[in-house]
Amino acid sequence: MTKKQYYKKCNELKREANKLIDDRIKKLLNSGAIELSNYDDNYILPKCVMCAIGKEIAFQFKPHTKEGVKDVENFECFI
């Protein structure tokens, strides 16, 4: 893989992740699971939401091979 191919594929997945984030933000709010009046106007609620969505993204993009899982564990050390 070239750098150009790497960036192209990462950008495609980033667009997919951004769409998933937008969809889940709306879905969660419309689900009734959040009562906005119970939260102060700060970043606690949005961070909780993004953490939950991050877990879904991790699940959606999880590699299907042992080698891929090892790569993820290694990459985490450098991020």
Protein backbone atom coordinates (compact mmCIF):
# COMPACT_ATOMS: atom_id res chain seq x y z
CA MET A 1 0.00 0.00 0.00
CA THR A 2 1.25 3.48 -0.82
CA LYS A 3 0.84 6.54 1.40
CA LYS A 4 -1.73 7.87 -1.06
CA GLN A 5 -3.74 4.64 -0.89
CA TYR A 6 -3.45 4.63 2.93
CA TYR A 7 -4.77 8.19 3.25
CA LYS A 8 -7.55 7.55 0.73
CA LYS A 9 -8.81 4.49 2.58
CA CYS A 10 -8.52 6.14 6.01
CA ASN A 11 -10.47 9.15 4.73
CA GLU A 12 -13.19 6.88 3.34
CA LEU A 13 -13.53 5.19 6.74
CA LYS A 14 -13.47 8.56 8.50
CA ARG A 15 -16.43 9.71 6.39
CA GLU A 16 -18.23 6.48 7.27
CA ALA A 17 -17.45 7.02 10.98
CA ASN A 18 -18.66 10.64 10.84
CA LYS A 19 -21.95 9.51 9.33
CA LEU A 20 -22.30 6.85 12.03
CA ILE A 21 -21.60 9.47 14.72
CA ASP A 22 -24.21 11.86 13.34
CA ASP A 23 -26.78 9.07 13.01
CA ARG A 24 -26.20 7.79 16.56
CA ILE A 25 -26.31 11.28 18.11
CA LYS A 26 -29.77 11.79 16.57
CA LYS A 27 -30.92 8.24 17.33
CA LEU A 28 -29.95 8.53 20.99
CA LEU A 29 -31.67 11.88 21.47
CA ASN A 30 -34.83 10.69 19.70
CA SER A 31 -34.88 7.44 21.70
CA GLY A 32 -35.93 9.18 24.88
CA ALA A 33 -32.91 7.80 26.73
CA ILE A 34 -31.66 11.32 27.41
CA GLU A 35 -33.58 13.93 29.39
CA LEU A 36 -31.65 17.07 28.45
CA SER A 37 -33.05 19.05 31.38
CA ASN A 38 -31.21 16.66 33.73
CA TYR A 39 -27.85 17.87 32.43
CA ASP A 40 -25.95 21.10 32.89
CA ASP A 41 -24.73 23.08 29.89
CA ASN A 42 -21.25 21.56 29.87
CA TYR A 43 -19.46 18.71 28.10
CA ILE A 44 -20.31 15.86 30.47
CA LEU A 45 -23.28 14.54 28.46
CA PRO A 46 -21.66 14.98 25.02
CA LYS A 47 -18.50 13.22 26.23
CA CYS A 48 -20.56 10.32 27.58
CA VAL A 49 -22.40 10.08 24.26
CA MET A 50 -19.16 10.22 22.27
CA CYS A 51 -17.62 7.54 24.52
CA ALA A 52 -20.58 5.24 23.86
CA ILE A 53 -20.42 5.96 20.13
CA GLY A 54 -16.66 5.39 20.18
CA LYS A 55 -17.28 1.91 21.52
CA GLU A 56 -19.66 1.22 18.66
CA ILE A 57 -17.12 2.51 16.15
CA ALA A 58 -14.48 0.24 17.70
CA PHE A 59 -16.89 -2.68 17.32
CA GLN A 60 -17.80 -1.78 13.72
CA PHE A 61 -14.16 -1.47 12.64
CA LYS A 62 -12.78 -4.35 14.72
CA PRO A 63 -10.41 -6.54 12.70
CA HIS A 64 -11.45 -10.11 12.01
CA THR A 65 -8.02 -11.72 12.25
CA LYS A 66 -5.62 -12.38 15.12
CA GLU A 67 -2.96 -10.45 13.23
CA GLY A 68 -5.30 -7.48 12.89
CA VAL A 69 -6.07 -7.51 16.62
CA LYS A 70 -2.33 -7.55 17.36
CA ASP A 71 -1.83 -4.64 14.94
CA VAL A 72 -4.54 -2.64 16.74
CA GLU A 73 -2.90 -3.29 20.12
CA ASN A 74 0.44 -2.16 18.70
CA PHE A 75 -1.00 0.95 17.01
CA GLU A 76 -2.66 1.99 20.28
CA CYS A 77 0.81 2.37 21.78
CA PHE A 78 1.69 5.02 19.19
CA ILE A 79 -1.51 7.08 19.21
